[in-house]
């Protein structure tokens, strides 16, 4: 069964259980844009509000359809599109997630905006290469997410006697041991499969390095997956499991972040959307918490992002709303306000960085070195391949699966 239709079958329940739509009283004649997204945590809600406010200020009527969970939100969007009742716009990651509906001719391209914003030369390649399909752009990217940040509570580090932030994986393990000895939760982790995938990518990037990372994700090379260096990546990944607390299984990522906010845990490995939660708690980067993009000056810098697609519609009013919304989303002022609240990096390099936090500014400096750019795993994998990989990783994390068995299962998952 085609993946778009698989998602559609699952969407009806998700729509009924998870979606809520809200719209302020629209101005007569205002272009009405219903927008499906999954930004439902406190920090995320504050971030999407900056876009909604900008759209309203530009004369539009924003209809907010928030769906808890990214997979559920995408399923709802696909169901609506396939069923002939599309929203004006829907959130996807900048990845292969929406390739099926592009190939089925269900999306409008945004080539006019891409040409105006010079995306061919200004966008990071891992984002450009997935939103541009057969010469046409099909999504508007809002940001650059780096999913494998290492966050730490400065108060927890001080309590555990950790004098400086870790500069290698060995030093991270040493810090985790000290946090455990101090009676703190060493690693705040939500035991959900996608979160385990993030931890895996962080270890692969920092232990394996760029070449091995690309050999596994981009090339899907069975020799690399069977190699001793990749085996050591998996060993280090599984070792991290020994530092999570019994409450980890099923925990949401933002609840894991709250453990750092409340200084109950020392470290979290998660994307830069965590900063939205830190911002909501009025914490300051470099003061109450620290951040590490990677170990060493050559550590791969993983890139993904949030993007919005614009489904085809027979309504001239919807097309008008889509044009206005796309213009608002790409405006420098909108991007600066959104990314400041969201904690992500602006996808445009000409956005004023002076108002952004210290972690974001440090990441923007790192991102200038394009030799360090690699895509998030989903950039290189089909949804089916990524799903199969995540299933193997979470089974390995949660069971006594031998590392050699995990290597074989990963190789099989990436052959799909």
Protein backbone atom coordinates (compact mmCIF):
# COMPACT_ATOMS: atom_id res chain seq x y z
CA UNK A 1 0.00 0.00 0.00
CA UNK A 2 1.28 3.48 -0.86
CA UNK A 3 2.64 5.27 2.22
CA UNK A 4 0.41 8.29 1.69
CA UNK A 5 -2.62 6.03 1.87
CA UNK A 6 -1.22 4.15 4.87
CA UNK A 7 -0.99 7.46 6.70
CA UNK A 8 -4.46 8.39 5.55
CA UNK A 9 -5.96 5.25 7.05
CA UNK A 10 -4.41 6.07 10.42
CA UNK A 11 -5.39 9.70 10.38
CA UNK A 12 -9.10 9.66 11.14
CA UNK A 13 -8.59 8.58 14.75
CA UNK A 14 -5.67 11.00 15.17
CA UNK A 15 -7.79 13.86 13.87
CA UNK A 16 -10.65 13.11 16.20
CA UNK A 17 -8.46 12.56 19.25
CA UNK A 18 -5.69 15.08 18.88
CA UNK A 19 -6.57 18.06 16.69
CA UNK A 20 -7.90 21.35 17.89
CA UNK A 21 -8.64 24.26 15.57
CA UNK A 22 -8.78 27.84 16.73
CA UNK A 23 -9.36 31.02 14.80
CA UNK A 24 -9.83 34.59 15.87
CA UNK A 25 -12.83 36.36 14.38
CA UNK A 26 -11.63 36.99 10.82
CA UNK A 27 -11.67 40.36 9.12
CA UNK A 28 -14.17 40.35 6.27
CA UNK A 29 -12.41 39.29 3.09
CA UNK A 30 -9.19 38.34 4.89
CA UNK A 31 -7.33 35.41 3.27
CA UNK A 32 -8.18 32.44 5.49
CA UNK A 33 -5.34 29.98 6.07
CA UNK A 34 -5.92 26.79 8.04
CA UNK A 35 -2.52 25.54 9.18
CA UNK A 36 -1.88 22.01 10.50
CA UNK A 37 1.14 21.64 12.79
CA UNK A 38 2.36 19.65 15.79
CA UNK A 39 3.70 22.47 17.95
CA UNK A 40 1.76 21.87 21.16
CA UNK A 41 4.28 22.20 24.02
CA UNK A 42 4.55 25.51 25.84
CA UNK A 43 7.64 26.71 24.00
CA UNK A 44 6.39 25.44 20.64
CA UNK A 45 2.99 27.11 21.04
CA UNK A 46 4.69 30.41 21.78
CA UNK A 47 6.83 30.02 18.66
CA UNK A 48 3.99 29.27 16.25
CA UNK A 49 2.09 32.23 17.68
CA UNK A 50 4.76 34.53 16.25
CA UNK A 51 3.89 33.28 12.74
CA UNK A 52 0.15 33.50 13.36
CA UNK A 53 0.52 37.06 14.64
CA UNK A 54 2.62 38.06 11.63
CA UNK A 55 0.05 36.55 9.26
CA UNK A 56 -2.78 38.42 10.94
CA UNK A 57 -0.77 41.63 10.86
CA UNK A 58 -0.38 41.15 7.11
CA UNK A 59 -4.17 41.01 6.74
CA UNK A 60 -4.79 37.27 6.93
CA UNK A 61 -7.07 35.11 9.07
CA UNK A 62 -5.10 32.29 10.73
CA UNK A 63 -6.94 29.07 11.61
CA UNK A 64 -4.78 27.00 13.96
CA UNK A 65 -5.11 23.19 13.76
CA UNK A 66 -2.65 21.82 16.31
CA UNK A 67 -2.23 18.03 16.44
CA UNK A 68 -0.23 16.46 19.25
CA UNK A 69 2.65 14.38 17.86
CA UNK A 70 4.52 14.85 14.59
CA UNK A 71 3.51 11.51 13.06
CA UNK A 72 -0.12 12.11 13.96
CA UNK A 73 -0.05 15.63 12.51
CA UNK A 74 1.46 14.43 9.26
CA UNK A 75 -1.12 11.64 9.05
CA UNK A 76 -3.95 14.14 9.52
CA UNK A 77 -2.48 16.40 6.83
CA UNK A 78 -2.07 13.55 4.33
CA UNK A 79 -5.58 12.29 5.07
CA UNK A 80 -7.03 15.73 4.40
CA UNK A 81 -5.03 16.13 1.19
CA UNK A 82 -5.84 12.67 -0.18
CA UNK A 83 -9.48 13.08 0.85
CA UNK A 84 -9.88 16.30 -1.12
CA UNK A 85 -10.19 18.64 1.89
CA UNK A 86 -6.68 20.03 2.21
CA UNK A 87 -5.59 22.73 4.64
CA UNK A 88 -3.89 25.82 3.27
CA UNK A 89 -0.58 24.66 4.75
CA UNK A 90 0.82 21.80 6.79
CA UNK A 91 4.01 21.24 8.73
CA UNK A 92 6.48 18.54 7.75
CA UNK A 93 10.14 18.07 8.49
CA UNK A 94 12.56 18.99 5.73
CA UNK A 95 13.03 15.38 4.73
CA UNK A 96 11.55 12.73 2.46
CA UNK A 97 8.34 12.74 4.50
CA UNK A 98 6.28 14.48 1.80
CA UNK A 99 7.90 12.95 -1.30
CA UNK A 100 4.91 10.67 -1.94
CA UNK A 101 2.41 13.52 -2.20
CA UNK A 102 4.83 15.51 -4.37
CA UNK A 103 5.05 12.59 -6.78
CA UNK A 104 1.26 12.29 -6.81
CA UNK A 105 0.99 15.92 -7.92
CA UNK A 106 -0.85 17.08 -4.80
CA UNK A 107 1.33 20.07 -3.83
CA UNK A 108 1.86 23.54 -5.24
CA UNK A 109 5.47 24.45 -5.87
CA UNK A 110 6.98 27.59 -4.36
CA UNK A 111 9.50 28.25 -7.11
CA UNK A 112 8.70 31.97 -7.21
CA UNK A 113 9.68 32.39 -3.57
CA UNK A 114 12.73 30.13 -3.99
CA UNK A 115 13.99 32.31 -6.84
CA UNK A 116 13.35 35.52 -4.90
CA UNK A 117 15.15 34.20 -1.82
CA UNK A 118 17.97 32.58 -3.88
CA UNK A 119 17.50 29.21 -2.21
CA UNK A 120 19.74 27.45 -4.72
CA UNK A 121 22.73 29.23 -3.19
CA UNK A 122 21.61 30.23 0.31
CA UNK A 123 19.99 27.11 1.80
CA UNK A 124 22.08 24.42 3.51
CA UNK A 125 22.37 21.47 1.12
CA UNK A 126 20.71 18.91 3.44
CA UNK A 127 17.56 21.06 3.46
CA UNK A 128 17.69 22.27 -0.15
CA UNK A 129 18.15 18.78 -1.54
CA UNK A 130 14.99 17.38 0.06
CA UNK A 131 12.56 20.25 -0.52
CA UNK A 132 13.63 20.54 -4.17
CA UNK A 133 12.26 17.64 -6.23
CA UNK A 134 12.96 17.30 -9.96
CA UNK A 135 13.88 20.95 -10.26
CA UNK A 136 10.98 22.40 -8.26
CA UNK A 137 10.68 23.55 -4.65
CA UNK A 138 7.70 22.16 -2.72
CA UNK A 139 8.11 23.48 0.82
CA UNK A 140 9.00 26.68 2.65
CA UNK A 141 11.67 26.01 5.31
CA UNK A 142 11.45 28.05 8.50
CA UNK A 143 14.54 27.01 10.36
CA UNK A 144 17.51 24.75 10.78
CA UNK A 145 17.22 22.24 13.60
CA UNK A 146 20.27 20.51 14.98
CA UNK A 147 18.74 17.45 16.65
CA UNK A 148 21.72 16.12 18.62
CA UNK A 149 22.64 18.89 21.04
CA UNK A 150 24.00 17.88 24.45
CA UNK A 151 22.33 20.07 27.09
CA UNK A 152 23.34 20.25 30.72
CA UNK A 153 22.17 21.88 33.92
CA UNK A 154 24.89 24.07 35.39
CA UNK A 155 23.45 23.66 38.91
CA UNK A 156 23.47 19.86 38.54
CA UNK A 157 27.05 19.92 37.27
CA UNK A 158 28.09 22.10 40.20
CA UNK A 159 26.41 19.76 42.69
CA UNK A 160 28.23 16.79 41.13
CA UNK A 161 31.58 18.58 41.17
CA UNK A 162 31.95 18.75 37.39
CA UNK A 163 34.25 21.69 36.77
CA UNK A 164 34.05 21.98 32.97
CA UNK A 165 31.81 20.77 30.21
CA UNK A 166 32.73 17.46 28.56
CA UNK A 167 34.89 17.68 25.45
CA UNK A 168 34.71 14.03 24.39
CA UNK A 169 32.46 11.00 24.77
CA UNK A 170 34.78 9.61 27.45
CA UNK A 171 34.48 12.86 29.39
CA UNK A 172 30.69 12.75 28.99
CA UNK A 173 30.60 9.27 30.52
CA UNK A 174 32.82 10.50 33.38
CA UNK A 175 30.41 13.39 33.98
CA UNK A 176 27.43 11.04 33.96
CA UNK A 177 29.16 8.86 36.56
CA UNK A 178 29.64 11.90 38.81
CA UNK A 179 26.00 12.92 38.40
CA UNK A 180 24.88 9.43 39.37
CA UNK A 181 27.16 9.48 42.43
CA UNK A 182 25.63 12.82 43.46
CA UNK A 183 22.15 11.27 43.51
CA UNK A 184 20.94 13.05 40.38
CA UNK A 185 19.44 11.60 37.21
CA UNK A 186 22.48 11.55 34.94
CA UNK A 187 20.67 11.43 31.58
CA UNK A 188 17.17 12.86 31.22
CA UNK A 189 15.62 10.74 28.49
CA UNK A 190 12.14 10.05 27.21
CA UNK A 191 11.84 6.37 26.41
CA UNK A 192 10.21 6.81 23.02
CA UNK A 193 11.63 5.34 19.85
CA UNK A 194 12.25 8.64 18.07
CA UNK A 195 14.15 9.93 21.10
CA UNK A 196 16.36 6.84 21.09
CA UNK A 197 17.06 7.52 17.43
CA UNK A 198 18.27 11.01 18.33
CA UNK A 199 20.63 9.62 20.97
CA UNK A 200 21.92 7.11 18.43
CA UNK A 201 22.59 9.81 15.84
CA UNK A 202 24.47 11.86 18.44
CA UNK A 203 26.70 8.92 19.32
CA UNK A 204 27.26 7.98 15.67
CA UNK A 205 28.27 11.54 14.83
CA UNK A 206 30.54 12.05 17.84
CA UNK A 207 32.08 8.59 18.14
CA UNK A 208 31.99 7.46 14.53
CA UNK A 209 32.67 10.78 12.81
CA UNK A 210 31.40 12.22 9.54
CA UNK A 211 32.66 9.50 7.19
CA UNK A 212 31.08 6.65 9.14
CA UNK A 213 27.90 8.66 9.66
CA UNK A 214 27.47 9.16 5.92
CA UNK A 215 28.48 5.58 5.14
CA UNK A 216 25.66 4.33 7.36
CA UNK A 217 22.89 6.82 6.58
CA UNK A 218 23.58 8.07 3.07
CA UNK A 219 25.35 5.09 1.52
CA UNK A 220 23.73 2.41 3.70
CA UNK A 221 26.99 0.49 3.23
CA UNK A 222 26.71 -3.00 4.78
CA UNK A 223 30.48 -3.14 5.24
CA UNK A 224 30.44 0.02 7.32
CA UNK A 225 27.52 -1.29 9.39
CA UNK A 226 29.37 -4.56 10.02
CA UNK A 227 32.62 -2.76 10.92
CA UNK A 228 34.31 -2.62 14.32
CA UNK A 229 34.02 1.21 14.49
CA UNK A 230 30.25 0.97 14.05
CA UNK A 231 30.11 -1.78 16.66
CA UNK A 232 31.80 0.59 19.11
CA UNK A 233 29.20 3.25 18.29
CA UNK A 234 26.45 0.82 19.24
CA UNK A 235 28.27 -0.18 22.44
CA UNK A 236 28.55 3.49 23.48
CA UNK A 237 24.90 4.09 22.57
CA UNK A 238 23.73 1.19 24.73
CA UNK A 239 25.99 2.27 27.60
CA UNK A 240 24.01 5.50 27.85
CA UNK A 241 20.95 3.45 28.80
CA UNK A 242 22.56 2.74 32.17
CA UNK A 243 22.28 6.44 33.08
CA UNK A 244 18.52 6.94 32.61
CA UNK A 245 16.03 6.74 35.46
CA UNK A 246 13.19 4.21 35.92
CA UNK A 247 10.64 6.86 34.91
CA UNK A 248 12.10 7.16 31.43
CA UNK A 249 9.81 4.78 29.43
CA UNK A 250 7.14 6.71 27.55
CA UNK A 251 8.25 10.11 28.88
CA UNK A 252 7.70 13.06 26.55
CA UNK A 253 10.77 15.01 25.49
CA UNK A 254 9.60 18.22 27.16
CA UNK A 255 9.05 16.36 30.44
CA UNK A 256 12.66 15.19 30.19
CA UNK A 257 13.68 18.82 29.61
CA UNK A 258 11.76 19.80 32.74
CA UNK A 259 14.10 17.58 34.75
CA UNK A 260 16.97 19.85 33.65
CA UNK A 261 14.91 22.99 34.27
CA UNK A 262 14.30 21.81 37.85
CA UNK A 263 17.94 20.68 38.28
CA UNK A 264 16.87 17.09 38.94
CA UNK A 265 18.91 15.78 36.01
CA UNK A 266 22.25 16.66 34.53
CA UNK A 267 22.20 16.00 30.78
CA UNK A 268 19.73 15.68 27.93
CA UNK A 269 20.54 14.76 24.33
CA UNK A 270 17.87 16.41 22.22
CA UNK A 271 17.26 18.96 19.47
CA UNK A 272 17.40 22.71 19.84
CA UNK A 273 13.63 22.87 20.34
CA UNK A 274 14.52 22.18 23.98
CA UNK A 275 15.45 25.86 24.22
CA UNK A 276 11.82 26.78 23.74
CA UNK A 277 11.13 25.06 27.06
CA UNK A 278 14.14 26.73 28.68
CA UNK A 279 12.95 30.09 27.38
CA UNK A 280 9.47 29.48 28.76
CA UNK A 281 11.08 28.78 32.16
CA UNK A 282 13.05 32.05 31.83
CA UNK A 283 16.42 30.31 31.81
CA UNK A 284 19.41 31.90 30.10
CA UNK A 285 21.87 30.06 27.88
CA UNK A 286 25.31 30.06 29.43
CA UNK A 287 23.94 30.94 32.86
CA UNK A 288 21.52 28.25 34.05
CA UNK A 289 22.27 25.76 31.28
CA UNK A 290 25.05 24.88 28.88
CA UNK A 291 25.02 23.46 25.38
CA UNK A 292 27.37 21.39 23.24
CA UNK A 293 26.91 21.00 19.47
CA UNK A 294 29.51 18.24 19.25
CA UNK A 295 32.90 17.10 20.47
CA UNK A 296 35.79 18.73 18.67
CA UNK A 297 36.19 21.18 15.77
CA UNK A 298 35.35 18.55 13.13
CA UNK A 299 32.27 17.02 14.75
CA UNK A 300 29.46 16.66 12.20
CA UNK A 301 26.75 19.29 12.46
CA UNK A 302 23.43 17.55 11.84
CA UNK A 303 20.87 19.55 9.89
CA UNK A 304 17.14 19.19 9.54
CA UNK A 305 14.36 21.70 9.85
CA UNK A 306 10.67 22.48 9.89
CA UNK A 307 8.98 23.28 6.61
CA UNK A 308 5.47 23.98 5.38
CA UNK A 309 3.85 22.49 2.30
CA UNK A 310 1.00 24.09 0.36
CA UNK A 311 -1.51 21.55 -1.03
CA UNK A 312 -3.24 22.17 -4.32
CA UNK A 313 -6.76 23.54 -3.97
CA UNK A 314 -9.58 24.45 -6.32
CA UNK A 315 -10.26 27.55 -4.21
CA UNK A 316 -8.88 30.85 -5.46
CA UNK A 317 -9.20 32.21 -1.91
CA UNK A 318 -7.02 29.40 -0.56
CA UNK A 319 -4.38 30.05 -3.21
CA UNK A 320 -4.39 33.73 -2.23
CA UNK A 321 -3.97 32.76 1.43
CA UNK A 322 -1.11 30.39 0.56
CA UNK A 323 0.77 33.12 -1.32
CA UNK A 324 0.40 35.55 1.57
CA UNK A 325 1.36 32.96 4.18
CA UNK A 326 4.47 31.88 2.26
CA UNK A 327 5.58 35.50 1.96
CA UNK A 328 5.02 36.10 5.68
CA UNK A 329 6.93 32.93 6.60
CA UNK A 330 10.00 33.96 4.61
CA UNK A 331 10.15 37.55 5.88
CA UNK A 332 13.33 38.21 7.91
CA UNK A 333 11.38 39.74 10.81
CA UNK A 334 9.12 36.68 11.05
CA UNK A 335 12.05 34.29 10.91
CA UNK A 336 13.97 36.19 13.59
CA UNK A 337 10.98 36.31 15.96
CA UNK A 338 10.06 32.66 15.39
CA UNK A 339 13.56 31.25 15.82
CA UNK A 340 14.26 33.38 18.87
CA UNK A 341 11.31 31.75 20.64
CA UNK A 342 11.66 28.28 19.09
CA UNK A 343 15.37 27.97 19.84
CA UNK A 344 16.25 26.93 16.29
CA UNK A 345 18.60 28.51 13.76
CA UNK A 346 17.29 30.87 11.09
CA UNK A 347 17.36 29.22 7.68
CA UNK A 348 18.38 32.58 6.19
CA UNK A 349 21.93 33.71 6.85
CA UNK A 350 21.02 37.42 6.67
CA UNK A 351 18.78 37.32 9.74
CA UNK A 352 20.01 39.54 12.56
CA UNK A 353 21.61 37.16 15.07
CA UNK A 354 22.30 39.79 17.73
CA UNK A 355 19.03 39.11 19.55
CA UNK A 356 19.48 35.32 19.53
CA UNK A 357 20.74 33.37 22.55
CA UNK A 358 24.35 32.34 23.11
CA UNK A 359 23.77 28.72 22.05
CA UNK A 360 22.15 29.77 18.78
CA UNK A 361 24.94 32.23 18.04
CA UNK A 362 27.55 29.54 18.69
CA UNK A 363 25.71 27.14 16.40
CA UNK A 364 25.49 29.74 13.64
CA UNK A 365 29.26 30.08 13.82
CA UNK A 366 29.67 26.31 13.53
CA UNK A 367 27.19 26.17 10.65
CA UNK A 368 29.35 28.52 8.58
CA UNK A 369 31.76 25.60 8.12
CA UNK A 370 29.90 23.69 5.40
CA UNK A 371 32.38 20.81 5.57
CA UNK A 372 30.70 19.84 8.85
CA UNK A 373 27.18 19.74 7.40
CA UNK A 374 25.38 16.40 7.31
CA UNK A 375 21.68 15.70 7.20
CA UNK A 376 19.58 14.23 9.95
CA UNK A 377 19.11 10.54 9.21
CA UNK A 378 15.64 11.16 7.78
CA UNK A 379 17.20 13.34 5.08
CA UNK A 380 18.82 10.23 3.55
CA UNK A 381 16.22 7.57 4.32
CA UNK A 382 12.74 6.87 3.09
CA UNK A 383 10.06 6.86 5.80
CA UNK A 384 9.95 3.05 5.62
CA UNK A 385 13.74 2.74 6.00
CA UNK A 386 13.78 5.20 8.86
CA UNK A 387 10.91 3.41 10.61
CA UNK A 388 12.64 0.05 10.30
CA UNK A 389 15.89 1.49 11.65
CA UNK A 390 14.16 3.11 14.61
CA UNK A 391 12.46 -0.20 15.43
CA UNK A 392 15.85 -1.93 15.59
CA UNK A 393 17.42 0.81 17.69
CA UNK A 394 14.65 0.90 20.28
CA UNK A 395 14.68 -2.91 20.51
CA UNK A 396 18.43 -2.87 21.05
CA UNK A 397 18.12 -0.08 23.64
CA UNK A 398 15.39 -1.85 25.60
CA UNK A 399 16.41 -5.51 25.43
CA UNK A 400 19.47 -7.73 25.82
CA UNK A 401 19.95 -7.91 22.05
CA UNK A 402 23.64 -8.66 21.29
CA UNK A 403 25.44 -5.85 19.49
CA UNK A 404 26.29 -8.14 16.58
CA UNK A 405 22.59 -8.91 16.14
CA UNK A 406 21.84 -5.19 16.17
CA UNK A 407 24.40 -4.65 13.39
CA UNK A 408 22.78 -7.34 11.24
CA UNK A 409 19.29 -6.00 11.89
CA UNK A 410 20.32 -2.44 11.03
CA UNK A 411 21.85 -3.60 7.75
CA UNK A 412 18.62 -5.42 6.91
CA UNK A 413 16.48 -2.40 7.88
CA UNK A 414 18.42 -0.06 5.59
CA UNK A 415 18.15 -2.44 2.60
CA UNK A 416 14.38 -1.86 2.37
